[in-house]
Amino acid sequence: MARVNGIMTPVENGEIVDGTASGNTDSISKKKSGNTLDKEAFLKLLVAQMKYQDPLEPTSNTEYISQLATFSSLEEMQNLNATMTNMQGMNLVGKQVVVKVTSETTGLTTEVAGFVEYVQRENGKTYLVIEGNPYNIDDLVSVVDDAYVEAVQIAETFRNLMASLPSVRNLTLDDKPKVEAAQKAVNAMTAYQQGFLDVESLQKLKDLIARIEELEKNKEPEGEKPEEPDEGEGSDKVEGDGSTGGTEGGDGTGGAGDSGNGDAGTGGAGAGV
């Protein structure tokens, strides 16, 4: 028999051999491989210590009580940790989160973002379900605020809207409603949301508004056209002058007609036309 760390174990051919102990060791090694030592592994260690203690120098009762108290504290802390983890997962439902996923085949780590649909607990672990796929809550990287998500979505929508508008050179008055709609959308945003808008889109909107104002100034009023010379008006003016002259001539010839020369009066009227 050999004493190892206060535990008596059988020795064969100069080597410590024990089937039960080796089985327990394998189980404990698996637990340690994950850098965790749960209450089951701790209890197995305690039982193994009691089983293989030196009968001539047994472990004192005080030491056993101390170890049992440690075991109870460990169990309570693990239960509390599981409860807190579960509550944390429940509070994440409906939130947008980012988790890191490591591929078992390639070993590459990628990030997955999405809204937590629901939380499930399996084998003492809490999983966040994103788009139907469960992810361990231990792989959680960050939680995104709702206001942040909304601001990012608004900025993306505004960017697409500005991309659909024509350039300043190709802008016409038919595009005025779209430009005004974009301007109203910006004015309706909060200062926090406006901070997510890219500079290029905002500058393009300013240029389009200035171009619309310029086009409206250069636009001719409807129903008004520049005056053009009319041949009819010119002929009327000439006829007016002739008629006046003819009238005067008629008056003069009328006097002459009274003296007995009526043909001359008629001739005077014809000259006036």
C-alpha atoms as a PDB file:
ATOM      1  CA  MET A   1       0.000   0.000   0.000  1.00  0.00           C
ATOM      2  CA  ALA A   2       1.199   3.500  -0.792  1.00  0.00           C
ATOM      3  CA  ARG A   3       0.049   6.785   0.651  1.00  0.00           C
ATOM      4  CA  VAL A   4      -0.653   9.488  -1.919  1.00  0.00           C
ATOM      5  CA  ASN A   5      -1.996  12.843  -0.672  1.00  0.00           C
ATOM      6  CA  GLY A   6      -3.354  11.150   2.468  1.00  0.00           C
ATOM      7  CA  ILE A   7      -5.051   8.367   0.449  1.00  0.00           C
ATOM      8  CA  MET A   8      -3.996   4.721   0.695  1.00  0.00           C
ATOM      9  CA  THR A   9      -3.905   2.953  -2.656  1.00  0.00           C
ATOM     10  CA  PRO A  10      -2.795  -0.599  -3.605  1.00  0.00           C
ATOM     11  CA  VAL A  11       0.544  -1.100  -5.379  1.00  0.00           C
ATOM     12  CA  GLU A  12       1.320  -3.821  -7.906  1.00  0.00           C
ATOM     13  CA  ASN A  13       4.718  -4.243  -9.606  1.00  0.00           C
ATOM     14  CA  GLY A  14       5.776  -0.884  -8.284  1.00  0.00           C
ATOM     15  CA  GLU A  15       2.749   0.881  -9.788  1.00  0.00           C
ATOM     16  CA  ILE A  16      -0.410   2.199  -8.196  1.00  0.00           C
ATOM     17  CA  VAL A  17      -3.357   0.330  -9.666  1.00  0.00           C
ATOM     18  CA  ASP A  18      -7.013   0.573  -8.788  1.00  0.00           C
ATOM     19  CA  GLY A  19      -9.872   0.025 -11.221  1.00  0.00           C
ATOM     20  CA  THR A  20     -12.382   2.022  -9.255  1.00  0.00           C
ATOM     21  CA  ALA A  21     -10.021   4.875  -8.670  1.00  0.00           C
ATOM     22  CA  SER A  22      -8.963   4.964 -12.291  1.00  0.00           C
ATOM     23  CA  GLY A  23     -12.582   5.098 -13.365  1.00  0.00           C
ATOM     24  CA  ASN A  24     -13.193   7.980 -11.022  1.00  0.00           C
ATOM     25  CA  THR A  25     -10.037   9.663 -12.261  1.00  0.00           C
ATOM     26  CA  ASP A  26     -11.191   9.410 -15.852  1.00  0.00           C
ATOM     27  CA  SER A  27     -14.511  10.976 -14.930  1.00  0.00           C
ATOM     28  CA  ILE A  28     -12.793  13.746 -13.005  1.00  0.00           C
ATOM     29  CA  SER A  29     -10.354  14.340 -15.854  1.00  0.00           C
ATOM     30  CA  LYS A  30     -13.238  14.884 -18.203  1.00  0.00           C
ATOM     31  CA  LYS A  31     -14.640  17.468 -15.827  1.00  0.00           C
ATOM     32  CA  LYS A  32     -11.291  19.199 -15.550  1.00  0.00           C
ATOM     33  CA  SER A  33     -10.864  19.266 -19.307  1.00  0.00           C
ATOM     34  CA  GLY A  34     -13.571  21.922 -19.398  1.00  0.00           C
ATOM     35  CA  ASN A  35     -11.844  23.900 -16.612  1.00  0.00           C
ATOM     36  CA  THR A  36     -14.776  23.169 -14.317  1.00  0.00           C
ATOM     37  CA  LEU A  37     -15.131  21.142 -11.131  1.00  0.00           C
ATOM     38  CA  ASP A  38     -18.774  20.577 -10.326  1.00  0.00           C
ATOM     39  CA  LYS A  39     -20.309  19.276  -7.130  1.00  0.00           C
ATOM     40  CA  GLU A  40     -20.399  15.678  -8.395  1.00  0.00           C
ATOM     41  CA  ALA A  41     -16.633  15.646  -8.939  1.00  0.00           C
ATOM     42  CA  PHE A  42     -16.086  17.217  -5.528  1.00  0.00           C
ATOM     43  CA  LEU A  43     -18.259  14.573  -3.884  1.00  0.00           C
ATOM     44  CA  LYS A  44     -16.375  11.768  -5.636  1.00  0.00           C
ATOM     45  CA  LEU A  45     -13.108  13.173  -4.351  1.00  0.00           C
ATOM     46  CA  LEU A  46     -14.484  13.256  -0.828  1.00  0.00           C
ATOM     47  CA  VAL A  47     -15.728   9.650  -1.039  1.00  0.00           C
ATOM     48  CA  ALA A  48     -12.386   8.479  -2.455  1.00  0.00           C
ATOM     49  CA  GLN A  49     -10.562  10.204   0.384  1.00  0.00           C
ATOM     50  CA  MET A  50     -12.723   8.462   2.977  1.00  0.00           C
ATOM     51  CA  LYS A  51     -12.391   5.102   1.215  1.00  0.00           C
ATOM     52  CA  TYR A  52      -8.623   5.115   0.945  1.00  0.00           C
ATOM     53  CA  GLN A  53      -7.644   6.888   4.126  1.00  0.00           C
ATOM     54  CA  ASP A  54      -4.998   5.383   6.387  1.00  0.00           C
ATOM     55  CA  PRO A  55      -6.772   3.342   9.085  1.00  0.00           C
ATOM     56  CA  LEU A  56      -3.886   4.047  11.456  1.00  0.00           C
ATOM     57  CA  GLU A  57      -4.105   7.769  10.887  1.00  0.00           C
ATOM     58  CA  PRO A  58      -7.697   8.465   9.891  1.00  0.00           C
ATOM     59  CA  THR A  59      -8.856  11.884   8.883  1.00  0.00           C
ATOM     60  CA  SER A  60     -10.269  13.828  11.790  1.00  0.00           C
ATOM     61  CA  ASN A  61     -13.971  14.556  12.040  1.00  0.00           C
ATOM     62  CA  THR A  62     -13.277  18.277  12.056  1.00  0.00           C
ATOM     63  CA  GLU A  63     -11.623  18.043   8.668  1.00  0.00           C
ATOM     64  CA  TYR A  64     -14.580  16.093   7.266  1.00  0.00           C
ATOM     65  CA  ILE A  65     -17.010  18.669   8.580  1.00  0.00           C
ATOM     66  CA  SER A  66     -14.954  21.432   7.001  1.00  0.00           C
ATOM     67  CA  GLN A  67     -14.959  19.613   3.669  1.00  0.00           C
ATOM     68  CA  LEU A  68     -18.715  18.984   3.845  1.00  0.00           C
ATOM     69  CA  ALA A  69     -19.281  22.658   4.561  1.00  0.00           C
ATOM     70  CA  THR A  70     -17.152  23.522   1.538  1.00  0.00           C
ATOM     71  CA  PHE A  71     -19.187  21.086  -0.527  1.00  0.00           C
ATOM     72  CA  SER A  72     -22.445  22.701   0.613  1.00  0.00           C
ATOM     73  CA  SER A  73     -21.124  26.184  -0.205  1.00  0.00           C
ATOM     74  CA  LEU A  74     -20.033  24.996  -3.633  1.00  0.00           C
ATOM     75  CA  GLU A  75     -23.453  23.516  -4.343  1.00  0.00           C
ATOM     76  CA  GLU A  76     -25.230  26.693  -3.268  1.00  0.00           C
ATOM     77  CA  MET A  77     -22.982  28.878  -5.394  1.00  0.00           C
ATOM     78  CA  GLN A  78     -23.524  26.678  -8.424  1.00  0.00           C
ATOM     79  CA  ASN A  79     -27.296  26.748  -7.965  1.00  0.00           C
ATOM     80  CA  LEU A  80     -27.225  30.512  -7.523  1.00  0.00           C
ATOM     81  CA  ASN A  81     -25.063  30.890 -10.618  1.00  0.00           C
ATOM     82  CA  ALA A  82     -27.471  28.748 -12.650  1.00  0.00           C
ATOM     83  CA  THR A  83     -30.431  30.815 -11.449  1.00  0.00           C
ATOM     84  CA  MET A  84     -28.735  34.115 -12.287  1.00  0.00           C
ATOM     85  CA  THR A  85     -27.706  32.828 -15.709  1.00  0.00           C
ATOM     86  CA  ASN A  86     -31.259  31.714 -16.420  1.00  0.00           C
ATOM     87  CA  MET A  87     -32.646  35.101 -15.357  1.00  0.00           C
ATOM     88  CA  GLN A  88     -30.099  36.854 -17.530  1.00  0.00           C
ATOM     89  CA  GLY A  89     -31.203  34.800 -20.500  1.00  0.00           C
ATOM     90  CA  MET A  90     -34.870  35.575 -19.855  1.00  0.00           C
ATOM     91  CA  ASN A  91     -34.133  39.301 -19.805  1.00  0.00           C
ATOM     92  CA  LEU A  92     -32.518  39.017 -23.243  1.00  0.00           C
ATOM     93  CA  VAL A  93     -35.679  37.816 -24.982  1.00  0.00           C
ATOM     94  CA  GLY A  94     -36.555  40.305 -27.734  1.00  0.00           C
ATOM     95  CA  LYS A  95     -33.129  41.939 -27.552  1.00  0.00           C
ATOM     96  CA  GLN A  96     -30.593  41.958 -30.356  1.00  0.00           C
ATOM     97  CA  VAL A  97     -27.399  40.225 -29.297  1.00  0.00           C
ATOM     98  CA  VAL A  98     -24.085  39.164 -30.761  1.00  0.00           C
ATOM     99  CA  VAL A  99     -22.618  35.731 -29.991  1.00  0.00           C
ATOM    100  CA  LYS A 100     -19.344  34.133 -31.007  1.00  0.00           C
ATOM    101  CA  VAL A 101     -19.482  30.711 -32.604  1.00  0.00           C
ATOM    102  CA  THR A 102     -16.446  28.459 -33.049  1.00  0.00           C
ATOM    103  CA  SER A 103     -16.640  25.818 -35.753  1.00  0.00           C
ATOM    104  CA  GLU A 104     -15.835  22.310 -34.501  1.00  0.00           C
ATOM    105  CA  THR A 105     -14.404  21.317 -37.890  1.00  0.00           C
ATOM    106  CA  THR A 106     -12.369  24.348 -38.952  1.00  0.00           C
ATOM    107  CA  GLY A 107     -11.848  26.024 -35.591  1.00  0.00           C
ATOM    108  CA  LEU A 108     -12.770  29.410 -37.056  1.00  0.00           C
ATOM    109  CA  THR A 109     -14.658  31.851 -34.851  1.00  0.00           C
ATOM    110  CA  THR A 110     -17.466  33.895 -36.330  1.00  0.00           C
ATOM    111  CA  GLU A 111     -20.004  36.316 -34.898  1.00  0.00           C
ATOM    112  CA  VAL A 112     -23.754  35.838 -35.202  1.00  0.00           C
ATOM    113  CA  ALA A 113     -26.144  38.748 -34.600  1.00  0.00           C
ATOM    114  CA  GLY A 114     -29.907  38.610 -34.244  1.00  0.00           C
ATOM    115  CA  PHE A 115     -32.891  38.922 -31.942  1.00  0.00           C
ATOM    116  CA  VAL A 116     -33.355  36.406 -29.123  1.00  0.00           C
ATOM    117  CA  GLU A 117     -36.604  34.590 -29.807  1.00  0.00           C
ATOM    118  CA  TYR A 118     -36.739  32.531 -26.623  1.00  0.00           C
ATOM    119  CA  VAL A 119     -34.522  30.873 -24.017  1.00  0.00           C
ATOM    120  CA  GLN A 120     -34.202  27.176 -23.344  1.00  0.00           C
ATOM    121  CA  ARG A 121     -32.366  25.324 -20.587  1.00  0.00           C
ATOM    122  CA  GLU A 122     -30.809  21.949 -21.248  1.00  0.00           C
ATOM    123  CA  ASN A 123     -28.383  19.838 -19.171  1.00  0.00           C
ATOM    124  CA  GLY A 124     -27.920  22.669 -16.707  1.00  0.00           C
ATOM    125  CA  LYS A 125     -26.979  25.157 -19.428  1.00  0.00           C
ATOM    126  CA  THR A 126     -28.867  28.152 -20.806  1.00  0.00           C
ATOM    127  CA  TYR A 127     -29.213  28.600 -24.550  1.00  0.00           C
ATOM    128  CA  LEU A 128     -30.321  31.671 -26.499  1.00  0.00           C
ATOM    129  CA  VAL A 129     -32.363  30.787 -29.570  1.00  0.00           C
ATOM    130  CA  ILE A 130     -31.631  33.108 -32.513  1.00  0.00           C
ATOM    131  CA  GLU A 131     -33.433  32.452 -35.797  1.00  0.00           C
ATOM    132  CA  GLY A 132     -34.252  28.949 -34.601  1.00  0.00           C
ATOM    133  CA  ASN A 133     -30.648  28.063 -33.662  1.00  0.00           C
ATOM    134  CA  PRO A 134     -29.598  27.655 -29.996  1.00  0.00           C
ATOM    135  CA  TYR A 135     -26.419  29.350 -28.790  1.00  0.00           C
ATOM    136  CA  ASN A 136     -24.803  28.923 -25.394  1.00  0.00           C
ATOM    137  CA  ILE A 137     -25.196  32.029 -23.276  1.00  0.00           C
ATOM    138  CA  ASP A 138     -21.515  31.707 -22.363  1.00  0.00           C
ATOM    139  CA  ASP A 139     -20.723  32.675 -25.971  1.00  0.00           C
ATOM    140  CA  LEU A 140     -22.574  35.983 -25.596  1.00  0.00           C
ATOM    141  CA  VAL A 141     -20.418  38.920 -26.723  1.00  0.00           C
ATOM    142  CA  SER A 142     -22.658  41.982 -26.571  1.00  0.00           C
ATOM    143  CA  VAL A 143     -26.235  43.159 -26.215  1.00  0.00           C
ATOM    144  CA  VAL A 144     -27.450  45.891 -28.582  1.00  0.00           C
ATOM    145  CA  ASP A 145     -29.771  48.649 -27.355  1.00  0.00           C
ATOM    146  CA  ASP A 146     -33.164  49.009 -29.078  1.00  0.00           C
ATOM    147  CA  ALA A 147     -32.562  52.710 -29.790  1.00  0.00           C
ATOM    148  CA  TYR A 148     -29.271  51.843 -31.450  1.00  0.00           C
ATOM    149  CA  VAL A 149     -30.912  49.223 -33.667  1.00  0.00           C
ATOM    150  CA  GLU A 150     -33.647  51.673 -34.667  1.00  0.00           C
ATOM    151  CA  ALA A 151     -31.120  54.395 -35.480  1.00  0.00           C
ATOM    152  CA  VAL A 152     -29.071  52.043 -37.647  1.00  0.00           C
ATOM    153  CA  GLN A 153     -32.168  50.910 -39.543  1.00  0.00           C
ATOM    154  CA  ILE A 154     -33.297  54.512 -40.128  1.00  0.00           C
ATOM    155  CA  ALA A 155     -29.849  55.463 -41.397  1.00  0.00           C
ATOM    156  CA  GLU A 156     -29.864  52.531 -43.820  1.00  0.00           C
ATOM    157  CA  THR A 157     -33.331  53.467 -45.111  1.00  0.00           C
ATOM    158  CA  PHE A 158     -32.275  57.089 -45.602  1.00  0.00           C
ATOM    159  CA  ARG A 159     -29.144  55.999 -47.460  1.00  0.00           C
ATOM    160  CA  ASN A 160     -31.209  53.894 -49.860  1.00  0.00           C
ATOM    161  CA  LEU A 161     -33.666  56.753 -50.374  1.00  0.00           C
ATOM    162  CA  MET A 162     -30.915  59.191 -51.316  1.00  0.00           C
ATOM    163  CA  ALA A 163     -29.355  56.630 -53.644  1.00  0.00           C
ATOM    164  CA  SER A 164     -32.670  56.340 -55.517  1.00  0.00           C
ATOM    165  CA  LEU A 165     -32.819  60.103 -56.204  1.00  0.00           C
ATOM    166  CA  PRO A 166     -31.169  61.476 -59.361  1.00  0.00           C
ATOM    167  CA  SER A 167     -28.035  63.544 -59.310  1.00  0.00           C
ATOM    168  CA  VAL A 168     -28.143  67.330 -59.106  1.00  0.00           C
ATOM    169  CA  ARG A 169     -27.504  67.607 -62.835  1.00  0.00           C
ATOM    170  CA  ASN A 170     -30.398  65.304 -63.760  1.00  0.00           C
ATOM    171  CA  LEU A 171     -32.840  66.659 -61.195  1.00  0.00           C
ATOM    172  CA  THR A 172     -36.188  68.023 -62.420  1.00  0.00           C
ATOM    173  CA  LEU A 173     -39.193  69.560 -60.734  1.00  0.00           C
ATOM    174  CA  ASP A 174     -40.943  66.198 -61.002  1.00  0.00           C
ATOM    175  CA  ASP A 175     -38.555  64.946 -58.281  1.00  0.00           C
ATOM    176  CA  LYS A 176     -39.579  67.705 -55.881  1.00  0.00           C
ATOM    177  CA  PRO A 177     -41.999  65.501 -53.816  1.00  0.00           C
ATOM    178  CA  LYS A 178     -39.261  62.935 -53.199  1.00  0.00           C
ATOM    179  CA  VAL A 179     -36.767  65.574 -52.134  1.00  0.00           C
ATOM    180  CA  GLU A 180     -39.306  67.136 -49.792  1.00  0.00           C
ATOM    181  CA  ALA A 181     -40.093  63.712 -48.316  1.00  0.00           C
ATOM    182  CA  ALA A 182     -36.406  63.134 -47.598  1.00  0.00           C
ATOM    183  CA  GLN A 183     -36.136  66.564 -45.984  1.00  0.00           C
ATOM    184  CA  LYS A 184     -39.153  65.899 -43.767  1.00  0.00           C
ATOM    185  CA  ALA A 185     -37.712  62.528 -42.734  1.00  0.00           C
ATOM    186  CA  VAL A 186     -34.475  64.157 -41.577  1.00  0.00           C
ATOM    187  CA  ASN A 187     -36.327  66.875 -39.672  1.00  0.00           C
ATOM    188  CA  ALA A 188     -38.427  64.222 -37.899  1.00  0.00           C
ATOM    189  CA  MET A 189     -35.335  62.375 -36.620  1.00  0.00           C
ATOM    190  CA  THR A 190     -33.877  62.897 -33.172  1.00  0.00           C
ATOM    191  CA  ALA A 191     -30.376  64.265 -32.756  1.00  0.00           C
ATOM    192  CA  TYR A 192     -29.214  60.769 -31.792  1.00  0.00           C
ATOM    193  CA  GLN A 193     -30.645  59.270 -34.987  1.00  0.00           C
ATOM    194  CA  GLN A 194     -29.244  62.045 -37.168  1.00  0.00           C
ATOM    195  CA  GLY A 195     -25.798  61.203 -35.842  1.00  0.00           C
ATOM    196  CA  PHE A 196     -25.937  57.879 -37.724  1.00  0.00           C
ATOM    197  CA  LEU A 197     -26.585  59.506 -41.137  1.00  0.00           C
ATOM    198  CA  ASP A 198     -23.600  59.518 -43.467  1.00  0.00           C
ATOM    199  CA  VAL A 199     -22.168  62.856 -44.565  1.00  0.00           C
ATOM    200  CA  GLU A 200     -22.443  62.139 -48.296  1.00  0.00           C
ATOM    201  CA  SER A 201     -26.204  61.540 -48.157  1.00  0.00           C
ATOM    202  CA  LEU A 202     -26.795  64.712 -46.142  1.00  0.00           C
ATOM    203  CA  GLN A 203     -24.696  66.789 -48.531  1.00  0.00           C
ATOM    204  CA  LYS A 204     -26.557  65.379 -51.522  1.00  0.00           C
ATOM    205  CA  LEU A 205     -29.874  66.322 -49.906  1.00  0.00           C
ATOM    206  CA  LYS A 206     -28.696  69.906 -49.385  1.00  0.00           C
ATOM    207  CA  ASP A 207     -27.568  70.159 -53.015  1.00  0.00           C
ATOM    208  CA  LEU A 208     -30.883  68.769 -54.280  1.00  0.00           C
ATOM    209  CA  ILE A 209     -32.882  71.256 -52.177  1.00  0.00           C
ATOM    210  CA  ALA A 210     -30.806  74.150 -53.537  1.00  0.00           C
ATOM    211  CA  ARG A 211     -31.293  72.879 -57.086  1.00  0.00           C
ATOM    212  CA  ILE A 212     -35.066  72.627 -56.636  1.00  0.00           C
ATOM    213  CA  GLU A 213     -35.187  76.240 -55.461  1.00  0.00           C
ATOM    214  CA  GLU A 214     -33.133  77.301 -58.467  1.00  0.00           C
ATOM    215  CA  LEU A 215     -35.420  75.460 -60.875  1.00  0.00           C
ATOM    216  CA  GLU A 216     -38.495  77.077 -59.343  1.00  0.00           C
ATOM    217  CA  LYS A 217     -37.025  80.563 -59.756  1.00  0.00           C
ATOM    218  CA  ASN A 218     -36.251  79.951 -63.423  1.00  0.00           C
ATOM    219  CA  LYS A 219     -39.662  78.448 -64.093  1.00  0.00           C
ATOM    220  CA  GLU A 220     -42.030  80.714 -66.237  1.00  0.00           C
ATOM    221  CA  PRO A 221     -45.444  81.464 -64.689  1.00  0.00           C
ATOM    222  CA  GLU A 222     -48.157  79.301 -66.159  1.00  0.00           C
ATOM    223  CA  GLY A 223     -50.464  81.054 -68.725  1.00  0.00           C
ATOM    224  CA  GLU A 224     -48.009  83.901 -69.401  1.00  0.00           C
ATOM    225  CA  LYS A 225     -45.922  83.930 -72.591  1.00  0.00           C
ATOM    226  CA  PRO A 226     -43.666  86.607 -74.056  1.00  0.00           C
ATOM    227  CA  GLU A 227     -45.486  89.030 -76.437  1.00  0.00           C
ATOM    228  CA  GLU A 228     -44.933  88.436 -80.133  1.00  0.00           C
ATOM    229  CA  PRO A 229     -45.637  90.917 -82.966  1.00  0.00           C
ATOM    230  CA  ASP A 230     -49.024  90.372 -84.712  1.00  0.00           C
ATOM    231  CA  GLU A 231     -49.453  91.237 -88.357  1.00  0.00           C
ATOM    232  CA  GLY A 232     -53.149  91.894 -87.809  1.00  0.00           C
ATOM    233  CA  GLU A 233     -52.425  94.572 -85.257  1.00  0.00           C
ATOM    234  CA  GLY A 234     -50.085  96.404 -87.654  1.00  0.00           C
ATOM    235  CA  SER A 235     -52.647  96.408 -90.455  1.00  0.00           C
ATOM    236  CA  ASP A 236     -55.324  97.695 -88.103  1.00  0.00           C
ATOM    237  CA  LYS A 237     -53.112 100.565 -87.167  1.00  0.00           C
ATOM    238  CA  VAL A 238     -52.584 101.487 -90.821  1.00  0.00           C
ATOM    239  CA  GLU A 239     -56.277 101.147 -91.543  1.00  0.00           C
ATOM    240  CA  GLY A 240     -56.972 103.376 -88.620  1.00  0.00           C
ATOM    241  CA  ASP A 241     -54.782 106.103 -89.991  1.00  0.00           C
ATOM    242  CA  GLY A 242     -56.334 105.746 -93.468  1.00  0.00           C
ATOM    243  CA  SER A 243     -59.822 105.822 -92.109  1.00  0.00           C
ATOM    244  CA  THR A 244     -59.059 108.981 -90.256  1.00  0.00           C
ATOM    245  CA  GLY A 245     -57.611 110.548 -93.325  1.00  0.00           C
ATOM    246  CA  GLY A 246     -60.524 109.323 -95.354  1.00  0.00           C
ATOM    247  CA  THR A 247     -62.942 110.854 -92.901  1.00  0.00           C
ATOM    248  CA  GLU A 248     -61.139 114.113 -93.018  1.00  0.00           C
ATOM    249  CA  GLY A 249     -61.073 113.905 -96.775  1.00  0.00           C
ATOM    250  CA  GLY A 250     -64.722 113.059 -96.773  1.00  0.00           C
ATOM    251  CA  ASP A 251     -65.425 116.097 -94.709  1.00  0.00           C
ATOM    252  CA  GLY A 252     -63.400 118.255 -97.082  1.00  0.00           C
ATOM    253  CA  THR A 253     -64.993 116.840-100.181  1.00  0.00           C
ATOM    254  CA  GLY A 254     -68.328 117.204 -98.559  1.00  0.00           C
ATOM    255  CA  GLY A 255     -67.744 120.880 -98.612  1.00  0.00           C
ATOM    256  CA  ALA A 256     -66.622 120.610-102.164  1.00  0.00           C
ATOM    257  CA  GLY A 257     -69.725 118.585-102.965  1.00  0.00           C
ATOM    258  CA  ASP A 258     -71.836 121.362-101.734  1.00  0.00           C
ATOM    259  CA  SER A 259     -70.226 123.543-104.382  1.00  0.00           C
ATOM    260  CA  GLY A 260     -71.437 121.087-106.980  1.00  0.00           C
ATOM    261  CA  ASN A 261     -68.413 118.690-107.316  1.00  0.00           C
ATOM    262  CA  GLY A 262     -69.729 115.490-105.718  1.00  0.00           C
ATOM    263  CA  ASP A 263     -67.312 113.140-107.615  1.00  0.00           C
ATOM    264  CA  ALA A 264     -64.358 114.848-106.048  1.00  0.00           C
ATOM    265  CA  GLY A 265     -65.774 114.079-102.613  1.00  0.00           C
ATOM    266  CA  THR A 266     -66.095 110.425-103.478  1.00  0.00           C
ATOM    267  CA  GLY A 267     -62.555 110.389-104.727  1.00  0.00           C
ATOM    268  CA  GLY A 268     -61.342 111.854-101.487  1.00  0.00           C
ATOM    269  CA  ALA A 269     -62.920 109.007 -99.519  1.00  0.00           C
ATOM    270  CA  GLY A 270     -61.231 106.449-101.773  1.00  0.00           C
ATOM    271  CA  ALA A 271     -57.811 107.922-101.117  1.00  0.00           C
ATOM    272  CA  GLY A 272     -58.320 107.616 -97.463  1.00  0.00           C
ATOM    273  CA  VAL A 273     -58.817 103.737 -97.592  1.00  0.00           C
END
